[in-house]
Protein backbone atom coordinates (compact mmCIF):
# COMPACT_ATOMS: atom_id res chain seq x y z
CA MET A 1 107.37 95.08 127.25
CA THR A 2 103.71 96.07 126.41
CA LYS A 3 104.90 99.68 125.77
CA ARG A 4 107.60 98.34 123.24
CA ALA A 5 105.12 96.23 121.75
CA LYS A 6 102.67 99.07 121.34
CA SER A 7 105.46 101.31 119.98
CA ILE A 8 106.36 98.59 117.20
CA LEU A 9 102.45 97.85 116.33
CA ASN A 10 101.80 101.68 116.18
CA PRO A 11 103.85 102.33 112.90
CA SER A 12 102.62 99.42 111.20
CA GLN A 13 99.08 100.31 111.78
CA ILE A 14 99.67 103.96 110.67
CA LEU A 15 101.74 102.78 107.40
CA MET A 16 98.90 100.32 106.43
CA PRO A 17 96.29 102.96 105.90
CA LEU A 18 98.61 105.27 104.23
CA CYS A 19 99.49 102.47 101.71
CA TYR A 20 96.07 102.12 100.97
CA LEU A 21 95.47 105.94 100.54
CA PHE A 22 98.58 106.19 98.35
CA ARG A 23 97.46 103.19 96.13
CA GLY A 24 93.97 104.96 95.95
CA LYS A 25 95.76 108.09 94.73
CA CYS A 26 98.13 106.31 92.33
CA THR A 27 94.94 104.63 90.71
CA LEU A 28 93.27 108.05 90.54
CA PHE A 29 96.51 109.60 88.86
CA SER A 30 96.61 106.69 86.51
CA LYS A 31 92.91 107.18 85.49
CA GLU A 32 93.52 110.95 84.84
CA LYS A 33 96.53 110.12 82.63
CA GLN A 34 94.44 107.51 80.66
CA GLU A 35 91.86 110.21 80.27
CA LYS A 36 94.41 112.91 79.12
CA GLU A 37 96.03 110.29 76.71
CA LYS A 38 92.47 109.65 75.14
CA ILE A 39 91.81 113.38 74.58
């Protein structure tokens, strides 16, 4: 039971930071696009 619970929790723990990282990258890309459009 504990092993199964850990295996279920691990993916969510890995995905959450990834989501934040991708969001940060998306914001960076959007900023770069806005700067390019201004120029």
